[in-house]
Amino acid sequence: MRMNRTILLTLLLLMVQTSIFPWLVPSSWSARVLPHLPLVMTVFVALFGGRYKAFFFGLGFGLLEDVLFFGELLGTYGFAMAFIGYFIGLVGERRSHLISFMLISIGVGSLAMDTIVYFVYKMFRLTGDTYLFALYWQIVPTLLAHIAFALLLYVPIRRKLAKAGAGSGEEKTAA
């Protein structure tokens, strides 16, 4: 899958996240589950596309989420998603891309992003909750939603991104 198609798919997922996903979540859980579907795609790009692509991919979509949804403090999600994309891409260069490693990467990425956002908001006194409450109330349910969503997308995304990676590798060796 080329990067243009990945960007278009992620924009589509961003629209699904804002328009359809709130209808699927029960109203009692709407304050607890705050999905970030571009984060899942950033982890996929990190694992199958490399750390530099994932850094810029996460930075772009993180800043887009900052501007669209979270106007209190711009740049928090951009920084967190870029950092996670680069870090998972760095670790993913040395590992095979099995489903278990992908699920662990999604879980660690989701936990790290929500933790970074929590502590940045805590530093600027935008939240008064304790970390344990935020962990129980929002971070863990969101992490589980990210893992479930990643399981749904794993096979199609892996086929497309791995095929694109193999195609670019063959072109490099042929030249």
C-alpha atoms as a PDB file:
ATOM      1  CA  MET A   1       0.000   0.000   0.000  1.00  0.00           C
ATOM      2  CA  ARG A   2       1.426   3.293  -0.969  1.00  0.00           C
ATOM      3  CA  MET A   3       1.579   6.152   1.482  1.00  0.00           C
ATOM      4  CA  ASN A   4      -1.099   8.134  -0.399  1.00  0.00           C
ATOM      5  CA  ARG A   5      -3.593   5.317   0.033  1.00  0.00           C
ATOM      6  CA  THR A   6      -2.626   4.923   3.671  1.00  0.00           C
ATOM      7  CA  ILE A   7      -3.238   8.619   4.265  1.00  0.00           C
ATOM      8  CA  LEU A   8      -6.627   8.444   2.535  1.00  0.00           C
ATOM      9  CA  LEU A   9      -7.575   5.355   4.549  1.00  0.00           C
ATOM     10  CA  THR A  10      -6.561   7.101   7.763  1.00  0.00           C
ATOM     11  CA  LEU A  11      -8.616  10.180   6.857  1.00  0.00           C
ATOM     12  CA  LEU A  12     -11.554   7.839   6.282  1.00  0.00           C
ATOM     13  CA  LEU A  13     -10.918   6.208   9.670  1.00  0.00           C
ATOM     14  CA  LEU A  14     -10.790   9.660  11.264  1.00  0.00           C
ATOM     15  CA  MET A  15     -14.232  10.376   9.822  1.00  0.00           C
ATOM     16  CA  VAL A  16     -15.499   7.001  11.085  1.00  0.00           C
ATOM     17  CA  GLN A  17     -14.014   7.785  14.511  1.00  0.00           C
ATOM     18  CA  THR A  18     -15.943  11.042  14.728  1.00  0.00           C
ATOM     19  CA  SER A  19     -19.200  10.111  13.015  1.00  0.00           C
ATOM     20  CA  ILE A  20     -19.959   6.386  13.370  1.00  0.00           C
ATOM     21  CA  PHE A  21     -17.980   5.245  16.410  1.00  0.00           C
ATOM     22  CA  PRO A  22     -19.900   7.439  18.913  1.00  0.00           C
ATOM     23  CA  TRP A  23     -23.087   5.663  17.845  1.00  0.00           C
ATOM     24  CA  LEU A  24     -21.551   2.229  18.428  1.00  0.00           C
ATOM     25  CA  VAL A  25     -20.378   2.969  21.962  1.00  0.00           C
ATOM     26  CA  PRO A  26     -23.047   2.833  24.683  1.00  0.00           C
ATOM     27  CA  SER A  27     -23.813   6.234  26.188  1.00  0.00           C
ATOM     28  CA  SER A  28     -22.532   5.161  29.610  1.00  0.00           C
ATOM     29  CA  TRP A  29     -19.123   4.399  28.067  1.00  0.00           C
ATOM     30  CA  SER A  30     -18.896   7.462  25.809  1.00  0.00           C
ATOM     31  CA  ALA A  31     -16.736   9.364  28.312  1.00  0.00           C
ATOM     32  CA  ARG A  32     -14.523   6.330  28.933  1.00  0.00           C
ATOM     33  CA  VAL A  33     -13.665   5.068  25.457  1.00  0.00           C
ATOM     34  CA  LEU A  34     -11.920   7.757  23.410  1.00  0.00           C
ATOM     35  CA  PRO A  35     -10.561   5.998  20.332  1.00  0.00           C
ATOM     36  CA  HIS A  36      -7.716   7.370  18.257  1.00  0.00           C
ATOM     37  CA  LEU A  37      -7.850   5.320  15.080  1.00  0.00           C
ATOM     38  CA  PRO A  38      -5.000   7.289  13.435  1.00  0.00           C
ATOM     39  CA  LEU A  39      -2.787   6.033  16.286  1.00  0.00           C
ATOM     40  CA  VAL A  40      -3.514   2.451  15.237  1.00  0.00           C
ATOM     41  CA  MET A  41      -2.602   3.319  11.653  1.00  0.00           C
ATOM     42  CA  THR A  42       0.560   5.084  12.864  1.00  0.00           C
ATOM     43  CA  VAL A  43       1.642   1.875  14.575  1.00  0.00           C
ATOM     44  CA  PHE A  44       0.927  -0.093  11.387  1.00  0.00           C
ATOM     45  CA  VAL A  45       2.997   2.397   9.385  1.00  0.00           C
ATOM     46  CA  ALA A  46       5.770   2.143  11.986  1.00  0.00           C
ATOM     47  CA  LEU A  47       5.864  -1.644  11.756  1.00  0.00           C
ATOM     48  CA  PHE A  48       5.547  -1.971   7.990  1.00  0.00           C
ATOM     49  CA  GLY A  49       6.836   1.354   6.668  1.00  0.00           C
ATOM     50  CA  GLY A  50       9.640   2.400   8.987  1.00  0.00           C
ATOM     51  CA  ARG A  51      10.259   4.852  11.774  1.00  0.00           C
ATOM     52  CA  TYR A  52      10.700   8.013   9.712  1.00  0.00           C
ATOM     53  CA  LYS A  53       7.458   7.565   7.792  1.00  0.00           C
ATOM     54  CA  ALA A  54       5.694   6.769  11.056  1.00  0.00           C
ATOM     55  CA  PHE A  55       7.158   9.855  12.731  1.00  0.00           C
ATOM     56  CA  PHE A  56       5.811  12.216  10.082  1.00  0.00           C
ATOM     57  CA  PHE A  57       2.584  10.240   9.732  1.00  0.00           C
ATOM     58  CA  GLY A  58       1.964  10.447  13.486  1.00  0.00           C
ATOM     59  CA  LEU A  59       2.965  14.101  13.622  1.00  0.00           C
ATOM     60  CA  GLY A  60       0.587  15.035  10.822  1.00  0.00           C
ATOM     61  CA  PHE A  61      -2.418  13.135  12.109  1.00  0.00           C
ATOM     62  CA  GLY A  62      -1.695  14.057  15.713  1.00  0.00           C
ATOM     63  CA  LEU A  63      -1.673  17.747  14.839  1.00  0.00           C
ATOM     64  CA  LEU A  64      -4.853  17.230  12.819  1.00  0.00           C
ATOM     65  CA  GLU A  65      -6.515  15.695  15.877  1.00  0.00           C
ATOM     66  CA  ASP A  66      -5.210  18.567  18.011  1.00  0.00           C
ATOM     67  CA  VAL A  67      -6.745  21.142  15.702  1.00  0.00           C
ATOM     68  CA  LEU A  68     -10.023  19.307  15.124  1.00  0.00           C
ATOM     69  CA  PHE A  69     -10.872  18.022  18.577  1.00  0.00           C
ATOM     70  CA  PHE A  70      -8.641  19.112  21.423  1.00  0.00           C
ATOM     71  CA  GLY A  71      -8.261  22.871  21.292  1.00  0.00           C
ATOM     72  CA  GLU A  72      -7.100  23.410  24.870  1.00  0.00           C
ATOM     73  CA  LEU A  73      -3.458  22.671  24.143  1.00  0.00           C
ATOM     74  CA  LEU A  74      -2.183  22.319  20.583  1.00  0.00           C
ATOM     75  CA  GLY A  75       0.605  19.897  19.825  1.00  0.00           C
ATOM     76  CA  THR A  76       0.081  17.350  22.575  1.00  0.00           C
ATOM     77  CA  TYR A  77      -1.337  14.632  20.363  1.00  0.00           C
ATOM     78  CA  GLY A  78       1.043  15.549  17.554  1.00  0.00           C
ATOM     79  CA  PHE A  79       4.052  15.103  19.826  1.00  0.00           C
ATOM     80  CA  ALA A  80       2.713  11.898  21.389  1.00  0.00           C
ATOM     81  CA  MET A  81       1.816  10.207  18.093  1.00  0.00           C
ATOM     82  CA  ALA A  82       5.095  11.221  16.425  1.00  0.00           C
ATOM     83  CA  PHE A  83       7.100   9.931  19.394  1.00  0.00           C
ATOM     84  CA  ILE A  84       5.199   6.645  19.471  1.00  0.00           C
ATOM     85  CA  GLY A  85       5.489   6.163  15.718  1.00  0.00           C
ATOM     86  CA  TYR A  86       9.246   6.711  15.814  1.00  0.00           C
ATOM     87  CA  PHE A  87       9.790   4.529  18.901  1.00  0.00           C
ATOM     88  CA  ILE A  88       7.693   1.600  17.669  1.00  0.00           C
ATOM     89  CA  GLY A  89       9.281   1.889  14.236  1.00  0.00           C
ATOM     90  CA  LEU A  90      12.715   1.749  15.846  1.00  0.00           C
ATOM     91  CA  VAL A  91      11.847  -1.336  17.886  1.00  0.00           C
ATOM     92  CA  GLY A  92       9.951  -2.906  14.975  1.00  0.00           C
ATOM     93  CA  GLU A  93      13.002  -2.844  12.703  1.00  0.00           C
ATOM     94  CA  ARG A  94      14.564  -5.651  14.695  1.00  0.00           C
ATOM     95  CA  ARG A  95      11.457  -7.819  15.185  1.00  0.00           C
ATOM     96  CA  SER A  96       9.234  -9.990  13.062  1.00  0.00           C
ATOM     97  CA  HIS A  97       5.758  -8.659  12.440  1.00  0.00           C
ATOM     98  CA  LEU A  98       3.664 -11.339  14.069  1.00  0.00           C
ATOM     99  CA  ILE A  99       0.203 -10.556  15.325  1.00  0.00           C
ATOM    100  CA  SER A 100       1.341 -10.856  18.939  1.00  0.00           C
ATOM    101  CA  PHE A 101       4.056  -8.221  18.452  1.00  0.00           C
ATOM    102  CA  MET A 102       1.573  -5.969  16.688  1.00  0.00           C
ATOM    103  CA  LEU A 103      -0.940  -6.270  19.540  1.00  0.00           C
ATOM    104  CA  ILE A 104       1.761  -5.525  22.103  1.00  0.00           C
ATOM    105  CA  SER A 105       2.853  -2.531  20.016  1.00  0.00           C
ATOM    106  CA  ILE A 106      -0.709  -1.208  19.817  1.00  0.00           C
ATOM    107  CA  GLY A 107      -1.155  -1.682  23.565  1.00  0.00           C
ATOM    108  CA  VAL A 108       2.127  -0.001  24.466  1.00  0.00           C
ATOM    109  CA  GLY A 109       1.470   2.790  21.971  1.00  0.00           C
ATOM    110  CA  SER A 110      -2.024   3.446  23.298  1.00  0.00           C
ATOM    111  CA  LEU A 111      -0.857   3.362  26.905  1.00  0.00           C
ATOM    112  CA  ALA A 112       2.093   5.660  26.135  1.00  0.00           C
ATOM    113  CA  MET A 113       0.016   8.165  24.181  1.00  0.00           C
ATOM    114  CA  ASP A 114      -2.685   8.502  26.811  1.00  0.00           C
ATOM    115  CA  THR A 115      -0.049   8.688  29.546  1.00  0.00           C
ATOM    116  CA  ILE A 116       1.877  11.422  27.729  1.00  0.00           C
ATOM    117  CA  VAL A 117      -1.317  13.397  27.154  1.00  0.00           C
ATOM    118  CA  TYR A 118      -2.356  12.958  30.787  1.00  0.00           C
ATOM    119  CA  PHE A 119       0.964  14.209  32.177  1.00  0.00           C
ATOM    120  CA  VAL A 120       1.140  17.152  29.775  1.00  0.00           C
ATOM    121  CA  TYR A 121      -2.388  18.138  30.783  1.00  0.00           C
ATOM    122  CA  LYS A 122      -1.475  17.618  34.443  1.00  0.00           C
ATOM    123  CA  MET A 123       1.623  19.808  34.024  1.00  0.00           C
ATOM    124  CA  PHE A 124      -0.488  22.660  32.660  1.00  0.00           C
ATOM    125  CA  ARG A 125      -3.233  21.984  35.225  1.00  0.00           C
ATOM    126  CA  LEU A 126      -5.896  21.127  32.690  1.00  0.00           C
ATOM    127  CA  THR A 127      -6.893  18.012  34.642  1.00  0.00           C
ATOM    128  CA  GLY A 128      -7.312  17.400  38.321  1.00  0.00           C
ATOM    129  CA  ASP A 129      -7.725  13.612  38.185  1.00  0.00           C
ATOM    130  CA  THR A 130      -5.137  11.248  39.585  1.00  0.00           C
ATOM    131  CA  TYR A 131      -3.236   9.003  37.190  1.00  0.00           C
ATOM    132  CA  LEU A 132      -4.752   5.831  38.671  1.00  0.00           C
ATOM    133  CA  PHE A 133      -8.248   7.189  38.108  1.00  0.00           C
ATOM    134  CA  ALA A 134      -7.387   8.170  34.518  1.00  0.00           C
ATOM    135  CA  LEU A 135      -5.807   4.750  33.984  1.00  0.00           C
ATOM    136  CA  TYR A 136      -8.923   2.973  35.230  1.00  0.00           C
ATOM    137  CA  TRP A 137     -11.493   5.335  33.752  1.00  0.00           C
ATOM    138  CA  GLN A 138     -10.128   6.129  30.277  1.00  0.00           C
ATOM    139  CA  ILE A 139      -6.730   4.673  29.415  1.00  0.00           C
ATOM    140  CA  VAL A 140      -7.457   0.942  29.820  1.00  0.00           C
ATOM    141  CA  PRO A 141     -10.885   0.970  28.086  1.00  0.00           C
ATOM    142  CA  THR A 142      -9.398   2.975  25.206  1.00  0.00           C
ATOM    143  CA  LEU A 143      -6.454   0.569  25.009  1.00  0.00           C
ATOM    144  CA  LEU A 144      -8.854  -2.381  24.723  1.00  0.00           C
ATOM    145  CA  ALA A 145     -10.812  -0.601  21.979  1.00  0.00           C
ATOM    146  CA  HIS A 146      -7.572   0.046  20.069  1.00  0.00           C
ATOM    147  CA  ILE A 147      -6.557  -3.610  20.313  1.00  0.00           C
ATOM    148  CA  ALA A 148      -9.987  -4.790  19.128  1.00  0.00           C
ATOM    149  CA  PHE A 149      -9.873  -2.371  16.196  1.00  0.00           C
ATOM    150  CA  ALA A 150      -6.323  -3.457  15.307  1.00  0.00           C
ATOM    151  CA  LEU A 151      -7.439  -7.100  15.255  1.00  0.00           C
ATOM    152  CA  LEU A 152     -10.120  -6.214  12.715  1.00  0.00           C
ATOM    153  CA  LEU A 153      -7.641  -4.428  10.459  1.00  0.00           C
ATOM    154  CA  TYR A 154      -4.570  -6.628  10.873  1.00  0.00           C
ATOM    155  CA  VAL A 155      -4.978  -9.016   7.933  1.00  0.00           C
ATOM    156  CA  PRO A 156      -5.996  -6.481   5.244  1.00  0.00           C
ATOM    157  CA  ILE A 157      -3.446  -3.871   6.325  1.00  0.00           C
ATOM    158  CA  ARG A 158      -0.647  -6.397   6.599  1.00  0.00           C
ATOM    159  CA  ARG A 159      -1.351  -7.713   3.115  1.00  0.00           C
ATOM    160  CA  LYS A 160      -1.334  -4.224   1.606  1.00  0.00           C
ATOM    161  CA  LEU A 161       1.599  -2.758   3.535  1.00  0.00           C
ATOM    162  CA  ALA A 162       3.760  -5.883   3.329  1.00  0.00           C
ATOM    163  CA  LYS A 163       3.087  -6.142  -0.402  1.00  0.00           C
ATOM    164  CA  ALA A 164       4.121  -2.504  -0.878  1.00  0.00           C
ATOM    165  CA  GLY A 165       7.251  -3.053   1.226  1.00  0.00           C
ATOM    166  CA  ALA A 166       8.195  -6.138  -0.784  1.00  0.00           C
ATOM    167  CA  GLY A 167       7.549  -4.302  -4.040  1.00  0.00           C
ATOM    168  CA  SER A 168       9.798  -1.395  -3.072  1.00  0.00           C
ATOM    169  CA  GLY A 169      12.516  -3.773  -1.895  1.00  0.00           C
ATOM    170  CA  GLU A 170      12.471  -5.634  -5.200  1.00  0.00           C
ATOM    171  CA  GLU A 171      12.741  -2.380  -7.114  1.00  0.00           C
ATOM    172  CA  LYS A 172      15.768  -1.329  -5.068  1.00  0.00           C
ATOM    173  CA  THR A 173      17.609  -4.615  -5.600  1.00  0.00           C
ATOM    174  CA  ALA A 174      16.843  -4.671  -9.314  1.00  0.00           C
ATOM    175  CA  ALA A 175      18.324  -1.207  -9.819  1.00  0.00           C
END
